Amino acid sequence: MCAGPLASARTPGAGLLTDQRMLVTGGSGGIGSAICTVAAREGARVAFTWSTNETCAKQTESQVLAYGDCLAIHADLRDRSAAARIVGSVEQAWGGIDVLVNNAAVSEAIPFILLDDDEVDELFEVNVLSALRLTRLSAKSMIRQKRGRIVNISSITGSRCIPGPVHYAMSKGALEGMTRSLAHELGPYGILVNAIAAGIYEGGLKTTIPERHQARYLDACSLSRFGRPEECAELVCFLASSRNTYVNGAVVFSDGGTLG
């Protein structure tokens, strides 16, 4: 299911991210599409990747174009050569990258004892290694300009003991470790690196979570509801903006206040 259109709350070009060049992975999914649209509303030029859902990718592109520039890039993030092509496309179009949002992820509800190595490898290629490659390449542009923002979309499964596919939880824990370490290495260049530990949001990977686990989540959530994609997107845009000057190396929980 594609993300629905978001209501505009600000005049295009007059927001948190005016003239910022942003790259978002997984822009055809629920949270990814919301990040792209809210960032565009906040004045960013938005490039995003998509893999299999062309219909939703076109919808995201249309929503972003309503505010400003958009670059939709078809890519398979499991392909190790994809990162160079993606970053190269954005740099060729706009001259550099100011913000990278590593949002793309896959998950499968497979019991641990039934996992095989190929399934683990494929998930890690998308959830961790593609983020590492894209960050490494994007950081070069940010280091040259002495400024940048990197936001990694993680999950509460990476930090808390809750039901979830083990290999997915492992991948998100790795992403959070990368976030903390990179914050120290890139901070001296004016680059802030943070992660968002997301709870369960409408759309996207929610469909891969068994209903019994969704019910347990709602019982543990103080707001007694799933998140809306635009709620995560608003947080991403703050962390990516120049208003964020001191939040660095943090894993920010966005889960409605669940019991960990």
C-alpha atoms as a PDB file:
ATOM      1  CA  MET A   1       0.000   0.000   0.000  1.00  0.00           C
ATOM      2  CA  CYS A   2       1.318   3.436  -0.927  1.00  0.00           C
ATOM      3  CA  ALA A   3       1.474   6.286   1.574  1.00  0.00           C
ATOM      4  CA  GLY A   4      -1.370   8.769   1.334  1.00  0.00           C
ATOM      5  CA  PRO A   5      -0.850  12.454   0.563  1.00  0.00           C
ATOM      6  CA  LEU A   6       0.184  14.670   3.463  1.00  0.00           C
ATOM      7  CA  ALA A   7      -1.417  17.967   4.309  1.00  0.00           C
ATOM      8  CA  SER A   8       0.749  21.047   3.819  1.00  0.00           C
ATOM      9  CA  ALA A   9       1.450  23.063   6.951  1.00  0.00           C
ATOM     10  CA  ARG A  10       4.012  25.511   5.581  1.00  0.00           C
ATOM     11  CA  THR A  11       4.727  27.527   2.481  1.00  0.00           C
ATOM     12  CA  PRO A  12       7.067  25.575   0.163  1.00  0.00           C
ATOM     13  CA  GLY A  13      10.643  26.856   0.346  1.00  0.00           C
ATOM     14  CA  ALA A  14      10.216  28.461   3.759  1.00  0.00           C
ATOM     15  CA  GLY A  15      10.875  25.526   6.061  1.00  0.00           C
ATOM     16  CA  LEU A  16      13.502  23.709   8.066  1.00  0.00           C
ATOM     17  CA  LEU A  17      15.375  22.350   5.053  1.00  0.00           C
ATOM     18  CA  THR A  18      15.306  25.159   2.527  1.00  0.00           C
ATOM     19  CA  ASP A  19      17.708  24.411  -0.364  1.00  0.00           C
ATOM     20  CA  GLN A  20      19.134  21.329   1.331  1.00  0.00           C
ATOM     21  CA  ARG A  21      19.997  18.427  -0.979  1.00  0.00           C
ATOM     22  CA  MET A  22      18.589  15.266   0.597  1.00  0.00           C
ATOM     23  CA  LEU A  23      18.948  11.612  -0.367  1.00  0.00           C
ATOM     24  CA  VAL A  24      16.440   9.148   1.114  1.00  0.00           C
ATOM     25  CA  THR A  25      16.616   5.401   0.565  1.00  0.00           C
ATOM     26  CA  GLY A  26      13.415   3.388   0.324  1.00  0.00           C
ATOM     27  CA  GLY A  27      11.294   6.349  -0.722  1.00  0.00           C
ATOM     28  CA  SER A  28       8.379   4.295  -2.037  1.00  0.00           C
ATOM     29  CA  GLY A  29       7.515   2.793   1.370  1.00  0.00           C
ATOM     30  CA  GLY A  30       5.269   4.283   4.037  1.00  0.00           C
ATOM     31  CA  ILE A  31       7.837   6.029   6.234  1.00  0.00           C
ATOM     32  CA  GLY A  32      10.191   6.698   3.335  1.00  0.00           C
ATOM     33  CA  SER A  33       7.496   8.381   1.259  1.00  0.00           C
ATOM     34  CA  ALA A  34       6.461  10.509   4.228  1.00  0.00           C
ATOM     35  CA  ILE A  35      10.082  11.575   4.833  1.00  0.00           C
ATOM     36  CA  CYS A  36      10.426  12.626   1.199  1.00  0.00           C
ATOM     37  CA  THR A  37       7.169  14.564   1.178  1.00  0.00           C
ATOM     38  CA  VAL A  38       7.652  16.344   4.501  1.00  0.00           C
ATOM     39  CA  ALA A  39      11.261  17.206   3.596  1.00  0.00           C
ATOM     40  CA  ALA A  40      10.081  18.672   0.290  1.00  0.00           C
ATOM     41  CA  ARG A  41       7.447  20.674   2.132  1.00  0.00           C
ATOM     42  CA  GLU A  42      10.253  21.966   4.334  1.00  0.00           C
ATOM     43  CA  GLY A  43      12.134  23.214   1.267  1.00  0.00           C
ATOM     44  CA  ALA A  44      14.546  20.366   0.483  1.00  0.00           C
ATOM     45  CA  ARG A  45      15.462  19.079  -2.943  1.00  0.00           C
ATOM     46  CA  VAL A  46      14.707  15.383  -2.529  1.00  0.00           C
ATOM     47  CA  ALA A  47      16.281  12.382  -4.227  1.00  0.00           C
ATOM     48  CA  PHE A  48      15.033   8.956  -3.258  1.00  0.00           C
ATOM     49  CA  THR A  49      15.670   5.344  -4.168  1.00  0.00           C
ATOM     50  CA  TRP A  50      13.087   2.706  -4.887  1.00  0.00           C
ATOM     51  CA  SER A  51      13.394  -0.953  -5.799  1.00  0.00           C
ATOM     52  CA  THR A  52      10.224  -2.881  -6.653  1.00  0.00           C
ATOM     53  CA  ASN A  53       7.125  -0.716  -6.127  1.00  0.00           C
ATOM     54  CA  GLU A  54       7.011   1.571  -9.150  1.00  0.00           C
ATOM     55  CA  THR A  55       3.431   2.669  -8.474  1.00  0.00           C
ATOM     56  CA  CYS A  56       4.241   3.986  -5.005  1.00  0.00           C
ATOM     57  CA  ALA A  57       7.521   5.469  -6.251  1.00  0.00           C
ATOM     58  CA  LYS A  58       5.606   7.513  -8.814  1.00  0.00           C
ATOM     59  CA  GLN A  59       3.212   8.656  -6.098  1.00  0.00           C
ATOM     60  CA  THR A  60       6.111   9.782  -3.909  1.00  0.00           C
ATOM     61  CA  GLU A  61       7.670  11.569  -6.869  1.00  0.00           C
ATOM     62  CA  SER A  62       4.405  13.365  -7.602  1.00  0.00           C
ATOM     63  CA  GLN A  63       4.038  14.474  -3.976  1.00  0.00           C
ATOM     64  CA  VAL A  64       7.599  15.806  -3.866  1.00  0.00           C
ATOM     65  CA  LEU A  65       7.300  17.590  -7.222  1.00  0.00           C
ATOM     66  CA  ALA A  66       4.333  19.505  -5.835  1.00  0.00           C
ATOM     67  CA  TYR A  67       6.872  21.354  -3.663  1.00  0.00           C
ATOM     68  CA  GLY A  68      10.097  21.379  -5.673  1.00  0.00           C
ATOM     69  CA  ASP A  69      12.893  19.347  -7.226  1.00  0.00           C
ATOM     70  CA  CYS A  70      12.802  15.553  -7.140  1.00  0.00           C
ATOM     71  CA  LEU A  71      15.078  12.792  -8.370  1.00  0.00           C
ATOM     72  CA  ALA A  72      13.700   9.223  -8.281  1.00  0.00           C
ATOM     73  CA  ILE A  73      16.417   6.573  -8.615  1.00  0.00           C
ATOM     74  CA  HIS A  74      15.588   2.942  -9.357  1.00  0.00           C
ATOM     75  CA  ALA A  75      18.169   0.771  -7.605  1.00  0.00           C
ATOM     76  CA  ASP A  76      18.641  -2.607  -5.962  1.00  0.00           C
ATOM     77  CA  LEU A  77      20.500  -1.845  -2.735  1.00  0.00           C
ATOM     78  CA  ARG A  78      21.722  -5.433  -2.562  1.00  0.00           C
ATOM     79  CA  ASP A  79      23.934  -4.630  -5.537  1.00  0.00           C
ATOM     80  CA  ARG A  80      27.282  -3.446  -4.180  1.00  0.00           C
ATOM     81  CA  SER A  81      27.796  -1.133  -7.153  1.00  0.00           C
ATOM     82  CA  ALA A  82      24.469   0.654  -6.623  1.00  0.00           C
ATOM     83  CA  ALA A  83      25.706   3.098  -3.973  1.00  0.00           C
ATOM     84  CA  ALA A  84      28.240   4.759  -6.274  1.00  0.00           C
ATOM     85  CA  ARG A  85      25.618   5.159  -9.011  1.00  0.00           C
ATOM     86  CA  ILE A  86      23.050   6.596  -6.585  1.00  0.00           C
ATOM     87  CA  VAL A  87      25.372   9.131  -4.983  1.00  0.00           C
ATOM     88  CA  GLY A  88      26.885   9.989  -8.357  1.00  0.00           C
ATOM     89  CA  SER A  89      23.422  10.728  -9.777  1.00  0.00           C
ATOM     90  CA  VAL A  90      22.590  13.144  -6.957  1.00  0.00           C
ATOM     91  CA  GLU A  91      25.962  14.872  -7.113  1.00  0.00           C
ATOM     92  CA  GLN A  92      25.717  15.232 -10.874  1.00  0.00           C
ATOM     93  CA  ALA A  93      22.232  16.724 -10.602  1.00  0.00           C
ATOM     94  CA  TRP A  94      22.761  19.038  -7.635  1.00  0.00           C
ATOM     95  CA  GLY A  95      26.497  19.240  -6.974  1.00  0.00           C
ATOM     96  CA  GLY A  96      26.531  17.461  -3.609  1.00  0.00           C
ATOM     97  CA  ILE A  97      24.561  15.972  -0.732  1.00  0.00           C
ATOM     98  CA  ASP A  98      23.693  17.798   2.485  1.00  0.00           C
ATOM     99  CA  VAL A  99      21.471  15.167   4.121  1.00  0.00           C
ATOM    100  CA  LEU A 100      21.413  11.377   3.891  1.00  0.00           C
ATOM    101  CA  VAL A 101      18.537   9.362   5.342  1.00  0.00           C
ATOM    102  CA  ASN A 102      19.196   5.616   5.444  1.00  0.00           C
ATOM    103  CA  ASN A 103      15.620   4.400   5.608  1.00  0.00           C
ATOM    104  CA  ALA A 104      15.424   1.356   3.321  1.00  0.00           C
ATOM    105  CA  ALA A 105      14.931  -1.944   5.131  1.00  0.00           C
ATOM    106  CA  VAL A 106      13.515  -5.408   4.668  1.00  0.00           C
ATOM    107  CA  SER A 107      12.224  -7.889   7.204  1.00  0.00           C
ATOM    108  CA  GLU A 108      10.824 -11.409   7.258  1.00  0.00           C
ATOM    109  CA  ALA A 109       9.089 -13.146  10.153  1.00  0.00           C
ATOM    110  CA  ILE A 110      11.284 -16.252  10.090  1.00  0.00           C
ATOM    111  CA  PRO A 111      12.023 -18.212  13.294  1.00  0.00           C
ATOM    112  CA  PHE A 112      15.706 -18.109  14.185  1.00  0.00           C
ATOM    113  CA  ILE A 113      16.308 -21.847  13.887  1.00  0.00           C
ATOM    114  CA  LEU A 114      14.886 -21.827  10.344  1.00  0.00           C
ATOM    115  CA  LEU A 115      17.084 -18.974   9.078  1.00  0.00           C
ATOM    116  CA  ASP A 116      19.677 -19.825   6.467  1.00  0.00           C
ATOM    117  CA  ASP A 117      22.807 -17.834   5.644  1.00  0.00           C
ATOM    118  CA  ASP A 118      21.469 -16.489   2.351  1.00  0.00           C
ATOM    119  CA  GLU A 119      18.447 -14.945   4.070  1.00  0.00           C
ATOM    120  CA  VAL A 120      20.659 -13.285   6.674  1.00  0.00           C
ATOM    121  CA  ASP A 121      23.092 -12.043   4.035  1.00  0.00           C
ATOM    122  CA  GLU A 122      20.333 -10.544   1.885  1.00  0.00           C
ATOM    123  CA  LEU A 123      18.768  -8.698   4.808  1.00  0.00           C
ATOM    124  CA  PHE A 124      22.118  -7.326   5.976  1.00  0.00           C
ATOM    125  CA  GLU A 125      22.952  -6.135   2.456  1.00  0.00           C
ATOM    126  CA  VAL A 126      19.897  -3.869   2.492  1.00  0.00           C
ATOM    127  CA  ASN A 127      19.584  -2.917   6.159  1.00  0.00           C
ATOM    128  CA  VAL A 128      23.256  -2.400   7.044  1.00  0.00           C
ATOM    129  CA  LEU A 129      25.789  -2.670   4.235  1.00  0.00           C
ATOM    130  CA  SER A 130      23.960  -0.434   1.765  1.00  0.00           C
ATOM    131  CA  ALA A 131      23.693   2.200   4.505  1.00  0.00           C
ATOM    132  CA  LEU A 132      27.432   1.881   5.173  1.00  0.00           C
ATOM    133  CA  ARG A 133      28.290   2.287   1.474  1.00  0.00           C
ATOM    134  CA  LEU A 134      25.978   5.233   0.911  1.00  0.00           C
ATOM    135  CA  THR A 135      27.186   6.941   4.078  1.00  0.00           C
ATOM    136  CA  ARG A 136      30.833   6.458   3.130  1.00  0.00           C
ATOM    137  CA  LEU A 137      30.297   8.046  -0.279  1.00  0.00           C
ATOM    138  CA  SER A 138      27.963  10.822   0.893  1.00  0.00           C
ATOM    139  CA  ALA A 139      30.285  11.758   3.747  1.00  0.00           C
ATOM    140  CA  LYS A 140      32.990  12.722   1.261  1.00  0.00           C
ATOM    141  CA  SER A 141      30.782  15.497  -0.076  1.00  0.00           C
ATOM    142  CA  MET A 142      29.812  16.573   3.443  1.00  0.00           C
ATOM    143  CA  ILE A 143      33.424  16.640   4.645  1.00  0.00           C
ATOM    144  CA  ARG A 144      34.390  18.920   1.760  1.00  0.00           C
ATOM    145  CA  GLN A 145      31.651  21.400   2.667  1.00  0.00           C
ATOM    146  CA  LYS A 146      32.241  21.033   6.439  1.00  0.00           C
ATOM    147  CA  ARG A 147      28.570  20.331   7.107  1.00  0.00           C
ATOM    148  CA  GLY A 148      26.107  17.499   6.844  1.00  0.00           C
ATOM    149  CA  ARG A 149      23.410  15.476   8.515  1.00  0.00           C
ATOM    150  CA  ILE A 150      22.943  11.697   8.475  1.00  0.00           C
ATOM    151  CA  VAL A 151      19.804  10.090   9.915  1.00  0.00           C
ATOM    152  CA  ASN A 152      19.499   6.315  10.137  1.00  0.00           C
ATOM    153  CA  ILE A 153      16.068   4.769  10.582  1.00  0.00           C
ATOM    154  CA  SER A 154      16.451   1.995  13.122  1.00  0.00           C
ATOM    155  CA  SER A 155      13.884   0.104  15.179  1.00  0.00           C
ATOM    156  CA  ILE A 156      13.077  -0.513  18.816  1.00  0.00           C
ATOM    157  CA  THR A 157      14.060  -4.128  18.122  1.00  0.00           C
ATOM    158  CA  GLY A 158      17.691  -2.966  17.886  1.00  0.00           C
ATOM    159  CA  SER A 159      17.743  -1.772  21.495  1.00  0.00           C
ATOM    160  CA  ARG A 160      15.017  -3.580  23.406  1.00  0.00           C
ATOM    161  CA  CYS A 161      14.144  -7.163  24.214  1.00  0.00           C
ATOM    162  CA  ILE A 162      10.901  -7.524  22.277  1.00  0.00           C
ATOM    163  CA  PRO A 163       9.540 -10.129  19.859  1.00  0.00           C
ATOM    164  CA  GLY A 164      10.928  -9.760  16.372  1.00  0.00           C
ATOM    165  CA  PRO A 165      12.949 -11.547  13.710  1.00  0.00           C
ATOM    166  CA  VAL A 166      16.426 -12.091  15.151  1.00  0.00           C
ATOM    167  CA  HIS A 167      18.323 -11.178  11.986  1.00  0.00           C
ATOM    168  CA  TYR A 168      16.275  -7.964  11.666  1.00  0.00           C
ATOM    169  CA  ALA A 169      17.030  -7.017  15.286  1.00  0.00           C
ATOM    170  CA  MET A 170      20.713  -7.773  14.663  1.00  0.00           C
ATOM    171  CA  SER A 171      20.764  -5.502  11.632  1.00  0.00           C
ATOM    172  CA  LYS A 172      19.204  -2.605  13.506  1.00  0.00           C
ATOM    173  CA  GLY A 173      21.626  -3.046  16.408  1.00  0.00           C
ATOM    174  CA  ALA A 174      24.472  -2.841  13.892  1.00  0.00           C
ATOM    175  CA  LEU A 175      22.974   0.323  12.376  1.00  0.00           C
ATOM    176  CA  GLU A 176      22.820   1.946  15.800  1.00  0.00           C
ATOM    177  CA  GLY A 177      26.447   0.988  16.501  1.00  0.00           C
ATOM    178  CA  MET A 178      27.457   2.587  13.215  1.00  0.00           C
ATOM    179  CA  THR A 179      25.521   5.714  14.185  1.00  0.00           C
ATOM    180  CA  ARG A 180      27.352   6.176  17.482  1.00  0.00           C
ATOM    181  CA  SER A 181      30.791   5.497  16.084  1.00  0.00           C
ATOM    182  CA  LEU A 182      30.317   7.713  13.025  1.00  0.00           C
ATOM    183  CA  ALA A 183      29.106  10.592  15.179  1.00  0.00           C
ATOM    184  CA  HIS A 184      32.532  10.712  16.822  1.00  0.00           C
ATOM    185  CA  GLU A 185      34.457  10.342  13.581  1.00  0.00           C
ATOM    186  CA  LEU A 186      32.464  12.857  11.543  1.00  0.00           C
ATOM    187  CA  GLY A 187      31.531  15.362  14.249  1.00  0.00           C
ATOM    188  CA  PRO A 188      34.758  17.400  13.838  1.00  0.00           C
ATOM    189  CA  TYR A 189      33.699  18.083  10.226  1.00  0.00           C
ATOM    190  CA  GLY A 190      30.351  19.546  11.251  1.00  0.00           C
ATOM    191  CA  ILE A 191      28.468  16.366  10.362  1.00  0.00           C
ATOM    192  CA  LEU A 192      25.854  15.159  12.839  1.00  0.00           C
ATOM    193  CA  VAL A 193      24.822  11.486  12.786  1.00  0.00           C
ATOM    194  CA  ASN A 194      21.740  10.211  14.583  1.00  0.00           C
ATOM    195  CA  ALA A 195      19.304   7.312  14.476  1.00  0.00           C
ATOM    196  CA  ILE A 196      15.609   6.984  15.121  1.00  0.00           C
ATOM    197  CA  ALA A 197      14.452   3.811  16.863  1.00  0.00           C
ATOM    198  CA  ALA A 198      11.001   3.529  15.363  1.00  0.00           C
ATOM    199  CA  GLY A 199       8.119   1.620  16.848  1.00  0.00           C
ATOM    200  CA  ILE A 200       5.400   0.143  14.670  1.00  0.00           C
ATOM    201  CA  TYR A 201       4.076   2.554  12.060  1.00  0.00           C
ATOM    202  CA  GLU A 202       1.136   2.257   9.723  1.00  0.00           C
ATOM    203  CA  GLY A 203       2.141   0.867   6.326  1.00  0.00           C
ATOM    204  CA  GLY A 204       5.600  -0.373   5.424  1.00  0.00           C
ATOM    205  CA  LEU A 205       7.075  -3.216   7.470  1.00  0.00           C
ATOM    206  CA  LYS A 206       4.005  -3.394   9.714  1.00  0.00           C
ATOM    207  CA  THR A 207       2.653  -5.964   7.267  1.00  0.00           C
ATOM    208  CA  THR A 208       5.515  -8.335   8.140  1.00  0.00           C
ATOM    209  CA  ILE A 209       4.704  -8.330  11.870  1.00  0.00           C
ATOM    210  CA  PRO A 210       2.369 -11.076  13.131  1.00  0.00           C
ATOM    211  CA  GLU A 211      -0.915  -9.749  14.494  1.00  0.00           C
ATOM    212  CA  ARG A 212      -0.243 -11.151  17.963  1.00  0.00           C
ATOM    213  CA  HIS A 213       2.931  -9.077  18.181  1.00  0.00           C
ATOM    214  CA  GLN A 214       1.090  -6.016  16.929  1.00  0.00           C
ATOM    215  CA  ALA A 215      -1.463  -6.497  19.720  1.00  0.00           C
ATOM    216  CA  ARG A 216       1.311  -6.798  22.336  1.00  0.00           C
ATOM    217  CA  TYR A 217       2.841  -3.597  21.016  1.00  0.00           C
ATOM    218  CA  LEU A 218      -0.433  -1.704  21.375  1.00  0.00           C
ATOM    219  CA  ASP A 219      -0.811  -3.000  24.939  1.00  0.00           C
ATOM    220  CA  ALA A 220       2.679  -1.711  25.782  1.00  0.00           C
ATOM    221  CA  CYS A 221       2.301   1.638  24.017  1.00  0.00           C
ATOM    222  CA  SER A 222       1.131   4.467  26.270  1.00  0.00           C
ATOM    223  CA  LEU A 223      -0.682   6.096  23.319  1.00  0.00           C
ATOM    224  CA  SER A 224      -2.389   2.788  22.431  1.00  0.00           C
ATOM    225  CA  ARG A 225      -1.907   3.247  18.694  1.00  0.00           C
ATOM    226  CA  PHE A 226       0.546   2.728  15.861  1.00  0.00           C
ATOM    227  CA  GLY A 227       2.586   5.644  14.632  1.00  0.00           C
ATOM    228  CA  ARG A 228       1.743   7.668  11.560  1.00  0.00           C
ATOM    229  CA  PRO A 229       4.560   7.872   8.973  1.00  0.00           C
ATOM    230  CA  GLU A 230       4.512  11.658   8.966  1.00  0.00           C
ATOM    231  CA  GLU A 231       5.265  11.659  12.706  1.00  0.00           C
ATOM    232  CA  CYS A 232       8.561   9.909  12.044  1.00  0.00           C
ATOM    233  CA  ALA A 233       9.184  12.202   9.061  1.00  0.00           C
ATOM    234  CA  GLU A 234       8.816  15.346  11.169  1.00  0.00           C
ATOM    235  CA  LEU A 235      11.475  14.061  13.579  1.00  0.00           C
ATOM    236  CA  VAL A 236      13.794  13.178  10.697  1.00  0.00           C
ATOM    237  CA  CYS A 237      13.484  16.689   9.314  1.00  0.00           C
ATOM    238  CA  PHE A 238      14.370  18.300  12.627  1.00  0.00           C
ATOM    239  CA  LEU A 239      17.430  16.091  13.095  1.00  0.00           C
ATOM    240  CA  ALA A 240      18.454  16.853   9.500  1.00  0.00           C
ATOM    241  CA  SER A 241      18.034  20.592   9.853  1.00  0.00           C
ATOM    242  CA  SER A 242      20.347  23.403  10.940  1.00  0.00           C
ATOM    243  CA  ARG A 243      18.152  23.838  14.027  1.00  0.00           C
ATOM    244  CA  ASN A 244      19.685  20.633  15.324  1.00  0.00           C
ATOM    245  CA  THR A 245      23.085  21.790  16.521  1.00  0.00           C
ATOM    246  CA  TYR A 246      23.866  19.458  19.442  1.00  0.00           C
ATOM    247  CA  VAL A 247      22.012  16.175  19.076  1.00  0.00           C
ATOM    248  CA  ASN A 248      24.715  13.843  17.799  1.00  0.00           C
ATOM    249  CA  GLY A 249      25.337  10.122  18.152  1.00  0.00           C
ATOM    250  CA  ALA A 250      21.869   9.665  19.628  1.00  0.00           C
ATOM    251  CA  VAL A 251      19.314   6.926  19.142  1.00  0.00           C
ATOM    252  CA  VAL A 252      15.999   8.748  19.531  1.00  0.00           C
ATOM    253  CA  PHE A 253      13.002   6.570  20.348  1.00  0.00           C
ATOM    254  CA  SER A 254       9.842   7.302  18.402  1.00  0.00           C
ATOM    255  CA  ASP A 255       7.459   4.640  19.639  1.00  0.00           C
ATOM    256  CA  GLY A 256       4.636   6.356  21.472  1.00  0.00           C
ATOM    257  CA  GLY A 257       6.149   5.527  24.846  1.00  0.00           C
ATOM    258  CA  THR A 258       6.386   1.745  24.965  1.00  0.00           C
ATOM    259  CA  LEU A 259       7.552  -0.342  27.874  1.00  0.00           C
ATOM    260  CA  GLY A 260      11.085  -1.536  27.092  1.00  0.00           C
END
